[in-house]
C-alpha atoms as a PDB file:
ATOM      1  CA  MET A   1     178.935-139.517  68.749  1.00  0.00           C
ATOM      2  CA  SER A   2     175.605-139.762  70.570  1.00  0.00           C
ATOM      3  CA  ASN A   3     175.150-140.904  74.166  1.00  0.00           C
ATOM      4  CA  SER A   4     171.997-142.929  73.426  1.00  0.00           C
ATOM      5  CA  GLU A   5     171.280-146.135  75.273  1.00  0.00           C
ATOM      6  CA  LEU A   6     170.284-148.177  72.225  1.00  0.00           C
ATOM      7  CA  LEU A   7     172.175-146.849  69.217  1.00  0.00           C
ATOM      8  CA  THR A   8     175.407-144.915  69.014  1.00  0.00           C
ATOM      9  CA  VAL A   9     175.315-142.612  65.986  1.00  0.00           C
ATOM     10  CA  GLU A  10     178.394-141.278  64.272  1.00  0.00           C
ATOM     11  CA  PRO A  11     178.685-138.598  63.056  1.00  0.00           C
ATOM     12  CA  LEU A  12     176.025-136.339  64.518  1.00  0.00           C
ATOM     13  CA  ASP A  13     176.925-133.680  61.966  1.00  0.00           C
ATOM     14  CA  LEU A  14     176.385-134.728  58.353  1.00  0.00           C
ATOM     15  CA  GLN A  15     179.037-132.914  56.326  1.00  0.00           C
ATOM     16  CA  PHE A  16     178.551-132.588  52.587  1.00  0.00           C
ATOM     17  CA  PRO A  17     181.372-131.181  50.394  1.00  0.00           C
ATOM     18  CA  PHE A  18     179.015-128.921  48.466  1.00  0.00           C
ATOM     19  CA  GLU A  19     179.368-128.825  44.682  1.00  0.00           C
ATOM     20  CA  LEU A  20     176.777-127.590  42.198  1.00  0.00           C
ATOM     21  CA  LYS A  21     175.057-130.123  39.944  1.00  0.00           C
ATOM     22  CA  LYS A  22     176.649-133.081  41.692  1.00  0.00           C
ATOM     23  CA  GLN A  23     175.248-135.762  43.970  1.00  0.00           C
ATOM     24  CA  ILE A  24     177.082-135.946  47.282  1.00  0.00           C
ATOM     25  CA  SER A  25     176.942-138.774  49.810  1.00  0.00           C
ATOM     26  CA  CYS A  26     177.668-139.045  53.504  1.00  0.00           C
ATOM     27  CA  SER A  27     177.677-142.163  55.680  1.00  0.00           C
ATOM     28  CA  LEU A  28     176.060-142.701  59.071  1.00  0.00           C
ATOM     29  CA  TYR A  29     177.225-145.503  61.336  1.00  0.00           C
ATOM     30  CA  LEU A  30     174.722-146.956  63.787  1.00  0.00           C
ATOM     31  CA  THR A  31     176.130-149.161  66.541  1.00  0.00           C
ATOM     32  CA  ASN A  32     173.882-151.337  68.661  1.00  0.00           C
ATOM     33  CA  LYS A  33     175.176-151.268  72.233  1.00  0.00           C
ATOM     34  CA  THR A  34     172.626-153.750  73.561  1.00  0.00           C
ATOM     35  CA  ASP A  35     172.052-157.498  73.483  1.00  0.00           C
ATOM     36  CA  ASN A  36     168.734-157.003  71.666  1.00  0.00           C
ATOM     37  CA  ASN A  37     167.771-156.312  68.094  1.00  0.00           C
ATOM     38  CA  VAL A  38     167.221-152.587  67.549  1.00  0.00           C
ATOM     39  CA  ALA A  39     164.989-151.339  64.741  1.00  0.00           C
ATOM     40  CA  PHE A  40     165.734-147.890  63.329  1.00  0.00           C
ATOM     41  CA  LYS A  41     164.127-145.333  61.088  1.00  0.00           C
ATOM     42  CA  VAL A  42     165.696-142.211  59.534  1.00  0.00           C
ATOM     43  CA  LYS A  43     163.528-139.161  58.873  1.00  0.00           C
ATOM     44  CA  THR A  44     164.403-135.781  57.368  1.00  0.00           C
ATOM     45  CA  THR A  45     162.784-132.360  57.115  1.00  0.00           C
ATOM     46  CA  ASN A  46     163.526-132.293  53.370  1.00  0.00           C
ATOM     47  CA  PRO A  47     162.735-135.749  51.921  1.00  0.00           C
ATOM     48  CA  LYS A  48     162.829-134.552  48.289  1.00  0.00           C
ATOM     49  CA  LYS A  49     166.408-133.342  48.664  1.00  0.00           C
ATOM     50  CA  TYR A  50     167.908-136.471  50.250  1.00  0.00           C
ATOM     51  CA  CYS A  51     167.926-140.171  49.541  1.00  0.00           C
ATOM     52  CA  VAL A  52     168.534-142.423  52.570  1.00  0.00           C
ATOM     53  CA  ARG A  53     169.465-146.072  52.061  1.00  0.00           C
ATOM     54  CA  PRO A  54     168.358-147.912  54.051  1.00  0.00           C
ATOM     55  CA  ASN A  55     165.920-145.539  55.755  1.00  0.00           C
ATOM     56  CA  THR A  56     164.641-148.373  57.967  1.00  0.00           C
ATOM     57  CA  GLY A  57     166.274-151.545  59.196  1.00  0.00           C
ATOM     58  CA  VAL A  58     167.474-153.659  62.088  1.00  0.00           C
ATOM     59  CA  VAL A  59     170.858-153.475  63.804  1.00  0.00           C
ATOM     60  CA  LEU A  60     171.853-156.799  65.328  1.00  0.00           C
ATOM     61  CA  PRO A  61     173.184-156.966  68.905  1.00  0.00           C
ATOM     62  CA  ARG A  62     176.683-155.548  69.364  1.00  0.00           C
ATOM     63  CA  SER A  63     177.013-154.772  65.652  1.00  0.00           C
ATOM     64  CA  THR A  64     177.215-151.725  63.381  1.00  0.00           C
ATOM     65  CA  CYS A  65     175.106-150.747  60.394  1.00  0.00           C
ATOM     66  CA  GLU A  66     175.999-148.197  57.705  1.00  0.00           C
ATOM     67  CA  VAL A  67     173.365-145.799  56.362  1.00  0.00           C
ATOM     68  CA  LEU A  68     174.166-143.830  53.197  1.00  0.00           C
ATOM     69  CA  VAL A  69     172.645-140.355  52.909  1.00  0.00           C
ATOM     70  CA  THR A  70     172.809-138.858  49.407  1.00  0.00           C
ATOM     71  CA  MET A  71     172.044-135.222  48.674  1.00  0.00           C
ATOM     72  CA  GLN A  72     170.579-134.711  45.228  1.00  0.00           C
ATOM     73  CA  ALA A  73     172.396-132.452  42.772  1.00  0.00           C
ATOM     74  CA  GLN A  74     171.688-128.795  43.558  1.00  0.00           C
ATOM     75  CA  LYS A  75     171.299-126.103  40.891  1.00  0.00           C
ATOM     76  CA  GLU A  76     171.992-123.174  43.220  1.00  0.00           C
ATOM     77  CA  ALA A  77     174.247-122.670  46.215  1.00  0.00           C
ATOM     78  CA  PRO A  78     172.879-120.996  49.363  1.00  0.00           C
ATOM     79  CA  SER A  79     174.151-117.454  49.760  1.00  0.00           C
ATOM     80  CA  ASP A  80     175.663-118.063  53.194  1.00  0.00           C
ATOM     81  CA  MET A  81     176.480-121.775  52.653  1.00  0.00           C
ATOM     82  CA  GLN A  82     174.298-122.599  55.638  1.00  0.00           C
ATOM     83  CA  CYS A  83     171.894-125.540  55.653  1.00  0.00           C
ATOM     84  CA  LYS A  84     168.771-125.690  57.806  1.00  0.00           C
ATOM     85  CA  ASP A  85     167.925-129.295  56.977  1.00  0.00           C
ATOM     86  CA  LYS A  86     167.634-131.729  59.878  1.00  0.00           C
ATOM     87  CA  PHE A  87     167.562-135.497  60.321  1.00  0.00           C
ATOM     88  CA  LEU A  88     165.971-137.576  63.044  1.00  0.00           C
ATOM     89  CA  LEU A  89     167.079-141.105  63.864  1.00  0.00           C
ATOM     90  CA  GLN A  90     164.568-143.214  65.787  1.00  0.00           C
ATOM     91  CA  GLY A  91     165.465-146.467  67.501  1.00  0.00           C
ATOM     92  CA  VAL A  92     163.371-149.028  69.314  1.00  0.00           C
ATOM     93  CA  ILE A  93     163.972-152.495  70.718  1.00  0.00           C
ATOM     94  CA  ALA A  94     162.679-155.114  68.297  1.00  0.00           C
ATOM     95  CA  SER A  95     161.585-158.694  68.810  1.00  0.00           C
ATOM     96  CA  PRO A  96     164.178-161.449  68.346  1.00  0.00           C
ATOM     97  CA  GLY A  97     164.374-162.664  64.767  1.00  0.00           C
ATOM     98  CA  VAL A  98     162.702-159.592  63.266  1.00  0.00           C
ATOM     99  CA  THR A  99     164.004-158.634  59.799  1.00  0.00           C
ATOM    100  CA  ALA A 100     164.322-155.286  58.042  1.00  0.00           C
ATOM    101  CA  LYS A 101     161.275-156.039  55.893  1.00  0.00           C
ATOM    102  CA  GLU A 102     159.197-156.510  59.026  1.00  0.00           C
ATOM    103  CA  VAL A 103     159.934-153.026  60.390  1.00  0.00           C
ATOM    104  CA  THR A 104     156.724-150.982  60.336  1.00  0.00           C
ATOM    105  CA  PRO A 105     155.877-147.347  61.184  1.00  0.00           C
ATOM    106  CA  GLU A 106     153.759-148.551  64.113  1.00  0.00           C
ATOM    107  CA  MET A 107     156.921-149.766  65.874  1.00  0.00           C
ATOM    108  CA  PHE A 108     157.989-146.117  66.304  1.00  0.00           C
ATOM    109  CA  SER A 109     154.642-144.863  67.565  1.00  0.00           C
ATOM    110  CA  LYS A 110     154.911-143.294  70.994  1.00  0.00           C
ATOM    111  CA  GLU A 111     151.107-143.283  71.269  1.00  0.00           C
ATOM    112  CA  ALA A 112     151.182-147.066  71.207  1.00  0.00           C
ATOM    113  CA  GLY A 113     153.366-147.035  74.302  1.00  0.00           C
ATOM    114  CA  HIS A 114     156.649-147.915  72.587  1.00  0.00           C
ATOM    115  CA  LEU A 115     159.822-146.530  74.082  1.00  0.00           C
ATOM    116  CA  VAL A 116     161.354-144.707  71.133  1.00  0.00           C
ATOM    117  CA  GLU A 117     164.858-143.304  71.349  1.00  0.00           C
ATOM    118  CA  GLU A 118     165.501-140.261  69.157  1.00  0.00           C
ATOM    119  CA  THR A 119     168.724-138.642  68.001  1.00  0.00           C
ATOM    120  CA  LYS A 120     168.765-135.355  66.091  1.00  0.00           C
ATOM    121  CA  LEU A 121     171.291-134.818  63.311  1.00  0.00           C
ATOM    122  CA  ARG A 122     172.163-131.610  61.517  1.00  0.00           C
ATOM    123  CA  VAL A 123     173.577-130.903  58.064  1.00  0.00           C
ATOM    124  CA  THR A 124     176.522-128.663  57.248  1.00  0.00           C
ATOM    125  CA  TYR A 125     178.186-127.761  53.976  1.00  0.00           C
ATOM    126  CA  VAL A 126     181.959-127.882  53.740  1.00  0.00           C
ATOM    127  CA  ALA A 127     184.338-126.833  50.991  1.00  0.00           C
ATOM    128  CA  PRO A 128     185.111-129.599  48.486  1.00  0.00           C
ATOM    129  CA  PRO A 129     188.633-131.055  48.626  1.00  0.00           C
ATOM    130  CA  ARG A 130     191.177-129.226  46.501  1.00  0.00           C
ATOM    131  CA  PRO A 131     192.606-131.120  43.544  1.00  0.00           C
ATOM    132  CA  PRO A 132     196.291-132.004  43.850  1.00  0.00           C
ATOM    133  CA  SER A 133     198.653-129.445  42.362  1.00  0.00           C
ATOM    134  CA  PRO A 134     199.986-130.585  38.988  1.00  0.00           C
ATOM    135  CA  VAL A 135     203.504-131.965  38.934  1.00  0.00           C
ATOM    136  CA  HIS A 136     205.370-131.669  35.657  1.00  0.00           C
ATOM    137  CA  GLU A 137     206.371-134.942  34.082  1.00  0.00           C
ATOM    138  CA  GLY A 138     209.877-135.955  34.948  1.00  0.00           C
ATOM    139  CA  SER A 139     210.219-133.631  37.948  1.00  0.00           C
ATOM    140  CA  GLU A 140     209.690-134.458  41.591  1.00  0.00           C
ATOM    141  CA  GLU A 141     206.985-132.785  43.651  1.00  0.00           C
ATOM    142  CA  GLY A 142     208.221-129.607  45.247  1.00  0.00           C
ATOM    143  CA  SER A 143     211.237-129.303  42.945  1.00  0.00           C
ATOM    144  CA  SER A 144     211.849-126.734  40.280  1.00  0.00           C
ATOM    145  CA  PRO A 145     210.987-127.782  36.704  1.00  0.00           C
ATOM    146  CA  ARG A 146     214.510-126.566  35.816  1.00  0.00           C
ATOM    147  CA  ALA A 147     216.215-129.107  38.067  1.00  0.00           C
ATOM    148  CA  SER A 148     219.621-130.178  36.799  1.00  0.00           C
ATOM    149  CA  VAL A 149     220.239-133.552  35.226  1.00  0.00           C
ATOM    150  CA  SER A 150     220.608-136.293  37.812  1.00  0.00           C
ATOM    151  CA  ASP A 151     223.679-138.448  38.251  1.00  0.00           C
ATOM    152  CA  ASN A 152     222.247-141.275  36.157  1.00  0.00           C
ATOM    153  CA  GLY A 153     221.875-138.997  33.146  1.00  0.00           C
ATOM    154  CA  HIS A 154     218.101-138.574  33.305  1.00  0.00           C
ATOM    155  CA  GLY A 155     216.578-135.104  33.186  1.00  0.00           C
ATOM    156  CA  SER A 156     213.106-133.749  32.530  1.00  0.00           C
ATOM    157  CA  GLU A 157     211.932-132.972  29.053  1.00  0.00           C
ATOM    158  CA  PHE A 158     210.235-129.939  30.496  1.00  0.00           C
ATOM    159  CA  SER A 159     213.567-128.472  31.602  1.00  0.00           C
ATOM    160  CA  VAL A 160     214.929-129.009  28.082  1.00  0.00           C
ATOM    161  CA  MET A 161     212.064-127.006  26.635  1.00  0.00           C
ATOM    162  CA  LEU A 162     212.534-124.231  29.193  1.00  0.00           C
ATOM    163  CA  CYS A 163     216.226-123.936  28.411  1.00  0.00           C
ATOM    164  CA  PHE A 164     215.559-123.763  24.682  1.00  0.00           C
ATOM    165  CA  ARG A 165     212.961-121.072  25.296  1.00  0.00           C
ATOM    166  CA  ASP A 166     215.257-119.009  27.512  1.00  0.00           C
ATOM    167  CA  LEU A 167     218.324-119.474  25.338  1.00  0.00           C
ATOM    168  CA  ALA A 168     216.390-118.300  22.296  1.00  0.00           C
ATOM    169  CA  TRP A 169     216.708-114.798  23.751  1.00  0.00           C
ATOM    170  CA  THR A 170     220.472-115.141  24.261  1.00  0.00           C
ATOM    171  CA  GLY A 171     222.834-113.468  21.779  1.00  0.00           C
ATOM    172  CA  LEU A 172     226.170-114.372  23.333  1.00  0.00           C
ATOM    173  CA  ASN A 173     229.173-114.953  21.079  1.00  0.00           C
ATOM    174  CA  LEU A 174     230.605-118.422  21.241  1.00  0.00           C
ATOM    175  CA  LYS A 175     234.075-119.643  20.395  1.00  0.00           C
ATOM    176  CA  LYS A 176     234.500-122.413  17.885  1.00  0.00           C
ATOM    177  CA  THR A 177     236.152-124.521  20.557  1.00  0.00           C
ATOM    178  CA  HIS A 178     232.664-125.208  21.871  1.00  0.00           C
ATOM    179  CA  LEU A 179     231.877-127.243  18.772  1.00  0.00           C
ATOM    180  CA  ARG A 180     233.246-130.342  20.495  1.00  0.00           C
ATOM    181  CA  TYR A 181     230.475-130.053  23.069  1.00  0.00           C
ATOM    182  CA  PHE A 182     227.869-130.957  20.531  1.00  0.00           C
ATOM    183  CA  SER A 183     228.769-134.640  20.375  1.00  0.00           C
ATOM    184  CA  GLN A 184     228.595-134.781  24.188  1.00  0.00           C
ATOM    185  CA  PHE A 185     225.236-133.030  24.141  1.00  0.00           C
ATOM    186  CA  PHE A 186     223.823-135.459  21.592  1.00  0.00           C
ATOM    187  CA  GLN A 187     225.016-138.436  23.654  1.00  0.00           C
ATOM    188  CA  VAL A 188     223.399-137.049  26.813  1.00  0.00           C
ATOM    189  CA  CYS A 189     220.095-136.474  25.036  1.00  0.00           C
ATOM    190  CA  ASN A 190     220.270-139.957  23.562  1.00  0.00           C
ATOM    191  CA  ARG A 191     220.775-141.491  27.042  1.00  0.00           C
ATOM    192  CA  GLN A 192     217.814-139.531  28.342  1.00  0.00           C
ATOM    193  CA  ASN A 193     215.604-140.687  25.447  1.00  0.00           C
ATOM    194  CA  HIS A 194     214.539-137.092  24.905  1.00  0.00           C
ATOM    195  CA  VAL A 195     212.377-136.403  21.894  1.00  0.00           C
ATOM    196  CA  LYS A 196     214.274-133.134  21.791  1.00  0.00           C
ATOM    197  CA  SER A 197     217.523-134.919  20.816  1.00  0.00           C
ATOM    198  CA  SER A 198     216.476-135.372  17.187  1.00  0.00           C
ATOM    199  CA  PHE A 199     215.302-131.776  17.170  1.00  0.00           C
ATOM    200  CA  ALA A 200     218.657-130.568  18.495  1.00  0.00           C
ATOM    201  CA  PHE A 201     220.529-132.635  15.914  1.00  0.00           C
ATOM    202  CA  ALA A 202     218.463-131.124  13.104  1.00  0.00           C
ATOM    203  CA  LEU A 203     219.126-127.613  14.391  1.00  0.00           C
ATOM    204  CA  PHE A 204     222.868-128.205  14.505  1.00  0.00           C
ATOM    205  CA  LYS A 205     222.912-129.523  10.960  1.00  0.00           C
ATOM    206  CA  THR A 206     221.155-126.388   9.744  1.00  0.00           C
ATOM    207  CA  ASP A 207     223.695-123.648   9.027  1.00  0.00           C
ATOM    208  CA  ALA A 208     221.074-120.941   8.501  1.00  0.00           C
ATOM    209  CA  LEU A 209     221.449-119.226  11.870  1.00  0.00           C
ATOM    210  CA  LEU A 210     224.350-119.224  14.321  1.00  0.00           C
ATOM    211  CA  LEU A 211     221.900-118.485  17.124  1.00  0.00           C
ATOM    212  CA  TRP A 212     220.485-122.008  16.925  1.00  0.00           C
ATOM    213  CA  ARG A 213     223.980-123.364  17.561  1.00  0.00           C
ATOM    214  CA  LEU A 214     224.368-121.009  20.496  1.00  0.00           C
ATOM    215  CA  ARG A 215     221.285-122.447  22.134  1.00  0.00           C
ATOM    216  CA  ILE A 216     222.631-125.983  21.863  1.00  0.00           C
ATOM    217  CA  PHE A 217     226.116-125.175  23.114  1.00  0.00           C
ATOM    218  CA  LEU A 218     224.873-123.112  26.015  1.00  0.00           C
ATOM    219  CA  TYR A 219     222.588-125.925  27.069  1.00  0.00           C
ATOM    220  CA  VAL A 220     225.570-128.310  27.023  1.00  0.00           C
ATOM    221  CA  ASP A 221     227.347-125.942  29.412  1.00  0.00           C
ATOM    222  CA  TYR A 222     224.217-125.970  31.540  1.00  0.00           C
ATOM    223  CA  LEU A 223     224.285-129.772  31.668  1.00  0.00           C
ATOM    224  CA  LYS A 224     227.962-129.740  32.605  1.00  0.00           C
ATOM    225  CA  GLY A 225     227.278-127.325  35.460  1.00  0.00           C
ATOM    226  CA  SER A 226     229.307-124.408  34.132  1.00  0.00           C
ATOM    227  CA  LEU A 227     226.209-122.291  33.486  1.00  0.00           C
ATOM    228  CA  HIS A 228     223.414-121.558  35.966  1.00  0.00           C
ATOM    229  CA  PHE A 229     219.939-120.114  35.276  1.00  0.00           C
END
């Protein structure tokens, strides 16, 4: 924040989250601390690189004006991520009733005897914000995708797929007494509305491989809490 008598400028450091081939904008807030109209003008050392809207205007007494500075899309990134571009904000007391369209370059001429207040602004590049880490559907943020089924019978489809993948490598022998678990397993899947339930039912009905049955029964034990992975 500047310590100017006419306009308070915030921020003094224009920070652009630099990304190649993308326009990036940054806002300036000009606050008129006086009881007079204050005309302003924004200048830059690199006018082809930036678009300033509005670049001239009038800030009413005890009010704030927003200025949007847009950096055009860049094809190359500087090697050291340093920017030498500068901005200059000029402010001058304007006549009562003056409008933005009536602001002229002569109002900021020091040779004409006008008292022009100037504030220098610099430009810095910052790293763009990181995208949020993906959260698997059906699992809470920060929890394992293999979280056990909750008390209300709802589990994640992703954990079902993981268990089927892991159990495909299991060659444990299973007693026939575990056959009764299948009906329980099918009911649980049906309550959870898993698309895997129809798949599990089809696998059980197929007598080609005992290993497919093992996967189903072991997953039932996993749901009942007797197996841990």
